[in-house]
Amino acid sequence: MKTSLKSIFMVALSLAIMHIYGQESFSTRTAKKTTNLSGTSVAIALKNLSQRPVIIFAGPKEELTKPGPRQKVYEALSTNTIYVSTNEVVCIMHESGKPVACADVMAGTAEMEIDESGSIITLK
């Protein structure tokens, strides 16, 4: 059985292309899995010391541009419980939809406080 040099080259090229695309696809899937992993669930007491209601976003940083259901209004001078995961953020939002101030949720975070001006959020 004779095989031409051209046939061997084409098989080798096909194998190399399949190998490259296979690796790219695997690394893309791996990257998606790692970015979708969130941390441990945390219940946080959120104290609003402001005299006015505030809009709060609680969730992954990547969703700040489209807050939707992760955005909620919290009444003035109130304490509420929010449920987030570590590695997510809690942000005070402006009425225009842009973040005013944010705090990262870390392991051990149990309480956050919004100051009297309604523009600063701190971990307690």
N, C-alpha and C. Protein backbone atom coordinates (compact mmCIF):
# COMPACT_ATOMS: atom_id res chain seq x y z
N MET A 1 0.85 -1.17 0.00
CA MET A 1 0.00 0.00 0.00
C MET A 1 0.90 1.24 0.00
N LYS A 2 0.72 2.10 -0.98
CA LYS A 2 1.51 3.31 -1.10
C LYS A 2 0.75 4.49 -0.50
N THR A 3 1.45 5.28 0.26
CA THR A 3 0.86 6.53 0.75
C THR A 3 1.73 7.65 0.26
N SER A 4 1.10 8.67 -0.19
CA SER A 4 1.87 9.79 -0.71
C SER A 4 2.25 10.74 0.42
N LEU A 5 3.25 11.50 0.18
CA LEU A 5 3.70 12.49 1.14
C LEU A 5 2.59 13.50 1.42
N LYS A 6 1.82 13.82 0.40
CA LYS A 6 0.72 14.77 0.55
C LYS A 6 -0.33 14.23 1.51
N SER A 7 -0.66 12.97 1.44
CA SER A 7 -1.67 12.34 2.32
C SER A 7 -1.19 12.36 3.77
N ILE A 8 0.08 12.04 3.98
CA ILE A 8 0.63 12.03 5.34
C ILE A 8 0.61 13.46 5.90
N PHE A 9 0.98 14.43 5.07
CA PHE A 9 0.95 15.82 5.51
C PHE A 9 -0.46 16.25 5.90
N MET A 10 -1.45 15.90 5.11
CA MET A 10 -2.83 16.29 5.38
C MET A 10 -3.34 15.66 6.68
N VAL A 11 -3.00 14.40 6.93
CA VAL A 11 -3.42 13.74 8.17
C VAL A 11 -2.75 14.41 9.37
N ALA A 12 -1.46 14.70 9.25
CA ALA A 12 -0.74 15.36 10.34
C ALA A 12 -1.32 16.74 10.61
N LEU A 13 -1.61 17.48 9.56
CA LEU A 13 -2.19 18.82 9.70
C LEU A 13 -3.57 18.73 10.36
N SER A 14 -4.38 17.79 9.94
CA SER A 14 -5.71 17.61 10.54
C SER A 14 -5.61 17.28 12.02
N LEU A 15 -4.69 16.39 12.38
CA LEU A 15 -4.51 16.05 13.80
C LEU A 15 -4.05 17.26 14.61
N ALA A 16 -3.15 18.05 14.05
CA ALA A 16 -2.66 19.24 14.75
C ALA A 16 -3.79 20.24 14.97
N ILE A 17 -4.62 20.46 13.96
CA ILE A 17 -5.74 21.39 14.09
C ILE A 17 -6.74 20.89 15.12
N MET A 18 -7.06 19.61 15.08
CA MET A 18 -8.00 19.05 16.06
C MET A 18 -7.44 19.18 17.47
N HIS A 19 -6.14 18.99 17.61
CA HIS A 19 -5.50 19.11 18.93
C HIS A 19 -5.60 20.54 19.45
N ILE A 20 -5.29 21.51 18.58
CA ILE A 20 -5.34 22.92 18.98
C ILE A 20 -6.76 23.32 19.35
N TYR A 21 -7.76 23.00 18.52
CA TYR A 21 -9.14 23.36 18.83
C TYR A 21 -9.64 22.63 20.05
N GLY A 22 -9.21 21.42 20.25
CA GLY A 22 -9.61 20.66 21.44
C GLY A 22 -9.10 21.31 22.71
N GLN A 23 -7.86 21.80 22.69
CA GLN A 23 -7.29 22.47 23.86
C GLN A 23 -7.98 23.79 24.11
N GLU A 24 -8.26 24.55 23.06
CA GLU A 24 -8.91 25.85 23.22
C GLU A 24 -10.30 25.66 23.81
N SER A 25 -11.01 24.69 23.30
CA SER A 25 -12.35 24.44 23.80
C SER A 25 -12.32 24.02 25.27
N PHE A 26 -11.36 23.18 25.64
CA PHE A 26 -11.25 22.74 27.03
C PHE A 26 -10.91 23.90 27.94
N SER A 27 -9.95 24.74 27.54
CA SER A 27 -9.57 25.86 28.40
C SER A 27 -10.70 26.88 28.50
N THR A 28 -11.48 27.06 27.45
CA THR A 28 -12.63 27.97 27.50
C THR A 28 -13.67 27.44 28.47
N ARG A 29 -13.95 26.13 28.40
CA ARG A 29 -14.92 25.53 29.33
C ARG A 29 -14.42 25.65 30.76
N THR A 30 -13.15 25.43 30.99
CA THR A 30 -12.58 25.52 32.33
C THR A 30 -12.68 26.94 32.86
N ALA A 31 -12.38 27.92 32.01
CA ALA A 31 -12.46 29.32 32.44
C ALA A 31 -13.89 29.69 32.81
N LYS A 32 -14.87 29.23 32.03
CA LYS A 32 -16.27 29.53 32.34
C LYS A 32 -16.67 28.92 33.67
N LYS A 33 -16.23 27.70 33.91
CA LYS A 33 -16.57 27.05 35.17
C LYS A 33 -15.98 27.79 36.35
N THR A 34 -14.75 28.24 36.26
CA THR A 34 -14.12 28.90 37.40
C THR A 34 -14.71 30.28 37.64
N THR A 35 -15.11 30.99 36.57
CA THR A 35 -15.69 32.31 36.79
C THR A 35 -17.11 32.22 37.33
N ASN A 36 -17.80 31.11 37.10
CA ASN A 36 -19.16 30.97 37.60
C ASN A 36 -19.19 30.49 39.05
N LEU A 37 -18.05 30.06 39.56
CA LEU A 37 -18.03 29.59 40.93
C LEU A 37 -18.12 30.77 41.88
N SER A 38 -19.06 30.72 42.78
CA SER A 38 -19.14 31.78 43.77
C SER A 38 -18.71 31.18 45.10
N GLY A 39 -18.57 32.04 46.07
CA GLY A 39 -18.10 31.59 47.37
C GLY A 39 -19.21 31.02 48.22
N THR A 40 -18.95 30.99 49.48
CA THR A 40 -19.88 30.47 50.47
C THR A 40 -21.02 31.45 50.69
N SER A 41 -22.23 30.94 50.86
CA SER A 41 -23.38 31.81 51.13
C SER A 41 -23.25 32.46 52.50
N VAL A 42 -23.64 33.74 52.55
CA VAL A 42 -23.51 34.52 53.77
C VAL A 42 -24.78 35.34 53.98
N ALA A 43 -25.26 35.39 55.21
CA ALA A 43 -26.37 36.28 55.58
C ALA A 43 -25.74 37.49 56.26
N ILE A 44 -26.04 38.67 55.75
CA ILE A 44 -25.44 39.89 56.27
C ILE A 44 -26.52 40.83 56.79
N ALA A 45 -26.30 41.38 57.97
CA ALA A 45 -27.19 42.40 58.51
C ALA A 45 -26.76 43.73 57.89
N LEU A 46 -27.67 44.36 57.15
CA LEU A 46 -27.38 45.62 56.49
C LEU A 46 -28.13 46.73 57.23
N LYS A 47 -27.37 47.61 57.87
CA LYS A 47 -27.96 48.72 58.62
C LYS A 47 -27.90 49.99 57.78
N ASN A 48 -29.05 50.59 57.56
CA ASN A 48 -29.11 51.86 56.84
C ASN A 48 -29.31 52.96 57.86
N LEU A 49 -28.27 53.75 58.11
CA LEU A 49 -28.33 54.85 59.07
C LEU A 49 -28.77 56.17 58.41
N SER A 50 -29.05 56.12 57.12
CA SER A 50 -29.44 57.30 56.38
C SER A 50 -30.90 57.65 56.65
N GLN A 51 -31.23 58.93 56.51
CA GLN A 51 -32.60 59.42 56.69
C GLN A 51 -33.45 59.20 55.43
N ARG A 52 -32.86 58.59 54.41
CA ARG A 52 -33.59 58.35 53.17
C ARG A 52 -33.42 56.90 52.73
N PRO A 53 -34.34 56.40 51.93
CA PRO A 53 -34.18 55.03 51.39
C PRO A 53 -32.96 54.97 50.46
N VAL A 54 -32.36 53.80 50.37
CA VAL A 54 -31.22 53.61 49.47
C VAL A 54 -31.48 52.42 48.56
N ILE A 55 -30.92 52.50 47.37
CA ILE A 55 -31.01 51.40 46.41
C ILE A 55 -29.74 50.57 46.58
N ILE A 56 -29.91 49.27 46.79
CA ILE A 56 -28.77 48.38 47.02
C ILE A 56 -28.74 47.29 45.95
N PHE A 57 -27.54 47.06 45.42
CA PHE A 57 -27.27 45.91 44.55
C PHE A 57 -26.46 44.93 45.36
N ALA A 58 -26.84 43.66 45.34
CA ALA A 58 -26.08 42.62 46.03
C ALA A 58 -25.92 41.44 45.07
N GLY A 59 -24.67 41.16 44.67
CA GLY A 59 -24.43 40.06 43.75
C GLY A 59 -23.04 40.13 43.14
N PRO A 60 -22.82 39.36 42.06
CA PRO A 60 -21.51 39.35 41.40
C PRO A 60 -21.19 40.70 40.74
N LYS A 61 -19.92 41.09 40.79
CA LYS A 61 -19.49 42.36 40.18
C LYS A 61 -19.85 42.42 38.70
N GLU A 62 -19.78 41.29 38.04
CA GLU A 62 -20.04 41.24 36.60
C GLU A 62 -21.46 41.68 36.26
N GLU A 63 -22.37 41.59 37.21
CA GLU A 63 -23.77 41.94 36.94
C GLU A 63 -24.12 43.37 37.33
N LEU A 64 -23.13 44.15 37.75
CA LEU A 64 -23.38 45.55 38.13
C LEU A 64 -23.94 46.37 36.98
N THR A 65 -23.58 46.03 35.75
CA THR A 65 -24.06 46.78 34.60
C THR A 65 -25.52 46.47 34.26
N LYS A 66 -26.03 45.34 34.76
CA LYS A 66 -27.42 44.95 34.52
C LYS A 66 -28.01 44.41 35.83
N PRO A 67 -28.21 45.28 36.82
CA PRO A 67 -28.57 44.84 38.17
C PRO A 67 -29.92 44.13 38.28
N GLY A 68 -30.93 44.53 37.55
CA GLY A 68 -32.22 43.86 37.54
C GLY A 68 -32.72 43.42 38.90
N PRO A 69 -33.00 42.11 39.05
CA PRO A 69 -33.60 41.62 40.29
C PRO A 69 -32.66 41.64 41.50
N ARG A 70 -31.39 41.87 41.29
CA ARG A 70 -30.44 41.92 42.41
C ARG A 70 -30.41 43.30 43.06
N GLN A 71 -31.25 44.18 42.59
CA GLN A 71 -31.31 45.54 43.12
C GLN A 71 -32.61 45.70 43.90
N LYS A 72 -32.52 46.32 45.08
CA LYS A 72 -33.69 46.48 45.93
C LYS A 72 -33.57 47.78 46.72
N VAL A 73 -34.70 48.39 47.03
CA VAL A 73 -34.73 49.61 47.83
C VAL A 73 -34.90 49.23 49.29
N TYR A 74 -34.04 49.81 50.14
CA TYR A 74 -34.12 49.58 51.59
C TYR A 74 -34.50 50.88 52.27
N GLU A 75 -35.46 50.81 53.16
CA GLU A 75 -36.01 51.99 53.83
C GLU A 75 -34.98 52.70 54.70
N ALA A 76 -35.27 53.97 54.99
CA ALA A 76 -34.41 54.78 55.85
C ALA A 76 -34.39 54.20 57.26
N LEU A 77 -33.28 54.36 57.94
CA LEU A 77 -33.12 53.95 59.34
C LEU A 77 -33.65 52.53 59.59
N SER A 78 -33.17 51.60 58.78
CA SER A 78 -33.64 50.22 58.91
C SER A 78 -32.48 49.24 58.99
N THR A 79 -32.78 48.05 59.47
CA THR A 79 -31.82 46.94 59.46
C THR A 79 -32.48 45.80 58.71
N ASN A 80 -31.78 45.28 57.72
CA ASN A 80 -32.31 44.21 56.87
C ASN A 80 -31.28 43.10 56.75
N THR A 81 -31.73 41.93 56.38
CA THR A 81 -30.82 40.82 56.12
C THR A 81 -30.76 40.60 54.62
N ILE A 82 -29.53 40.57 54.10
CA ILE A 82 -29.34 40.25 52.69
C ILE A 82 -28.54 38.96 52.59
N TYR A 83 -28.78 38.22 51.53
CA TYR A 83 -28.11 36.94 51.32
C TYR A 83 -27.26 37.03 50.06
N VAL A 84 -25.97 36.87 50.25
CA VAL A 84 -25.01 36.93 49.15
C VAL A 84 -23.98 35.82 49.35
N SER A 85 -23.03 35.77 48.46
CA SER A 85 -21.92 34.81 48.58
C SER A 85 -20.62 35.58 48.73
N THR A 86 -19.63 34.92 49.34
CA THR A 86 -18.32 35.56 49.40
C THR A 86 -17.84 35.80 47.98
N ASN A 87 -17.00 36.77 47.79
CA ASN A 87 -16.48 37.19 46.49
C ASN A 87 -17.50 37.99 45.68
N GLU A 88 -18.66 38.29 46.24
CA GLU A 88 -19.63 39.16 45.58
C GLU A 88 -19.52 40.55 46.20
N VAL A 89 -20.33 41.49 45.71
CA VAL A 89 -20.29 42.86 46.22
C VAL A 89 -21.68 43.31 46.67
N VAL A 90 -21.68 44.28 47.58
CA VAL A 90 -22.90 44.98 47.97
C VAL A 90 -22.63 46.44 47.66
N CYS A 91 -23.47 47.05 46.83
CA CYS A 91 -23.24 48.42 46.38
C CYS A 91 -24.45 49.30 46.62
N ILE A 92 -24.17 50.54 47.00
CA ILE A 92 -25.20 51.57 47.02
C ILE A 92 -25.28 52.07 45.58
N MET A 93 -26.49 52.12 45.04
CA MET A 93 -26.66 52.51 43.65
C MET A 93 -27.32 53.88 43.55
N HIS A 94 -26.91 54.64 42.55
CA HIS A 94 -27.54 55.92 42.24
C HIS A 94 -28.82 55.63 41.46
N GLU A 95 -29.74 56.55 41.45
CA GLU A 95 -30.99 56.37 40.71
C GLU A 95 -30.76 56.13 39.23
N SER A 96 -29.63 56.61 38.71
CA SER A 96 -29.30 56.43 37.30
C SER A 96 -28.82 55.01 36.99
N GLY A 97 -28.59 54.21 38.05
CA GLY A 97 -28.14 52.83 37.86
C GLY A 97 -26.65 52.64 38.01
N LYS A 98 -25.93 53.69 38.36
CA LYS A 98 -24.48 53.57 38.55
C LYS A 98 -24.15 53.39 40.02
N PRO A 99 -23.11 52.58 40.33
CA PRO A 99 -22.74 52.39 41.73
C PRO A 99 -22.14 53.65 42.35
N VAL A 100 -22.54 53.92 43.60
CA VAL A 100 -22.02 55.06 44.35
C VAL A 100 -20.85 54.59 45.22
N ALA A 101 -21.05 53.47 45.92
CA ALA A 101 -20.03 52.89 46.78
C ALA A 101 -20.29 51.40 46.88
N CYS A 102 -19.21 50.62 46.97
CA CYS A 102 -19.33 49.17 47.05
C CYS A 102 -18.45 48.61 48.17
N ALA A 103 -18.85 47.44 48.67
CA ALA A 103 -18.05 46.71 49.64
C ALA A 103 -18.01 45.25 49.20
N ASP A 104 -16.81 44.67 49.22
CA ASP A 104 -16.65 43.26 48.87
C ASP A 104 -17.07 42.37 50.03
N VAL A 105 -17.78 41.30 49.72
CA VAL A 105 -18.19 40.34 50.74
C VAL A 105 -17.06 39.33 50.90
N MET A 106 -16.53 39.25 52.11
CA MET A 106 -15.44 38.33 52.41
C MET A 106 -15.92 37.29 53.41
N ALA A 107 -15.16 36.23 53.55
CA ALA A 107 -15.47 35.22 54.55
C ALA A 107 -15.51 35.90 55.92
N GLY A 108 -16.51 35.63 56.69
CA GLY A 108 -16.63 36.22 58.02
C GLY A 108 -17.41 37.52 58.05
N THR A 109 -17.81 38.04 56.89
CA THR A 109 -18.61 39.27 56.87
C THR A 109 -19.99 38.96 57.43
N ALA A 110 -20.39 39.70 58.46
CA ALA A 110 -21.69 39.47 59.08
C ALA A 110 -22.55 40.73 59.12
N GLU A 111 -21.90 41.91 58.98
CA GLU A 111 -22.64 43.15 59.10
C GLU A 111 -22.03 44.22 58.20
N MET A 112 -22.91 45.01 57.57
CA MET A 112 -22.51 46.16 56.77
C MET A 112 -23.36 47.34 57.22
N GLU A 113 -22.78 48.54 57.05
CA GLU A 113 -23.48 49.73 57.51
C GLU A 113 -23.40 50.82 56.45
N ILE A 114 -24.53 51.46 56.21
CA ILE A 114 -24.60 52.60 55.31
C ILE A 114 -24.62 53.84 56.19
N ASP A 115 -23.73 54.80 55.92
CA ASP A 115 -23.61 55.97 56.78
C ASP A 115 -24.82 56.91 56.66
N GLU A 116 -24.82 57.97 57.44
CA GLU A 116 -25.93 58.92 57.50
C GLU A 116 -26.18 59.62 56.17
N SER A 117 -25.12 59.79 55.37
CA SER A 117 -25.28 60.47 54.09
C SER A 117 -25.87 59.55 53.02
N GLY A 118 -25.84 58.25 53.27
CA GLY A 118 -26.35 57.28 52.29
C GLY A 118 -25.40 57.06 51.13
N SER A 119 -24.13 57.46 51.29
CA SER A 119 -23.19 57.34 50.18
C SER A 119 -21.94 56.50 50.49
N ILE A 120 -21.84 55.99 51.72
CA ILE A 120 -20.69 55.16 52.11
C ILE A 120 -21.19 53.89 52.74
N ILE A 121 -20.62 52.76 52.30
CA ILE A 121 -20.96 51.46 52.88
C ILE A 121 -19.69 50.86 53.46
N THR A 122 -19.78 50.37 54.70
CA THR A 122 -18.59 49.82 55.35
C THR A 122 -18.91 48.45 55.95
N LEU A 123 -17.86 47.65 56.06
CA LEU A 123 -17.96 46.36 56.74
C LEU A 123 -17.82 46.60 58.23
N LYS A 124 -18.57 45.87 59.02
CA LYS A 124 -18.46 45.98 60.48
C LYS A 124 -18.04 44.66 61.06
